[in-house]
Amino acid sequence: MRDFLVGLALVLVIEGFLYAAFPEAMKRMLEQVKTIPPQSLRIVGLGSVVVGLGMVWLIRR
């Protein structure tokens, strides 16, 4: 559980940095995401989950 919370905290740090360093670029990116079909977002999201889990598995073994 501790590793999960550390991972969640790192996500917040990285996202917070991006919004603080590049606010206009992040706004443009979010506008572009609206135009992507839900199925494509779902596929990319699931792919990210698989890659992330694989990375965690490799690092932790």
Foldseek 3Di string as FASTA:
>chain_A
DVVVVVVVVVVVVVVVVCCVVPVPVVVVVVVVVVVDDPVVVVVVVVVVVVVVVVVVVVVVD
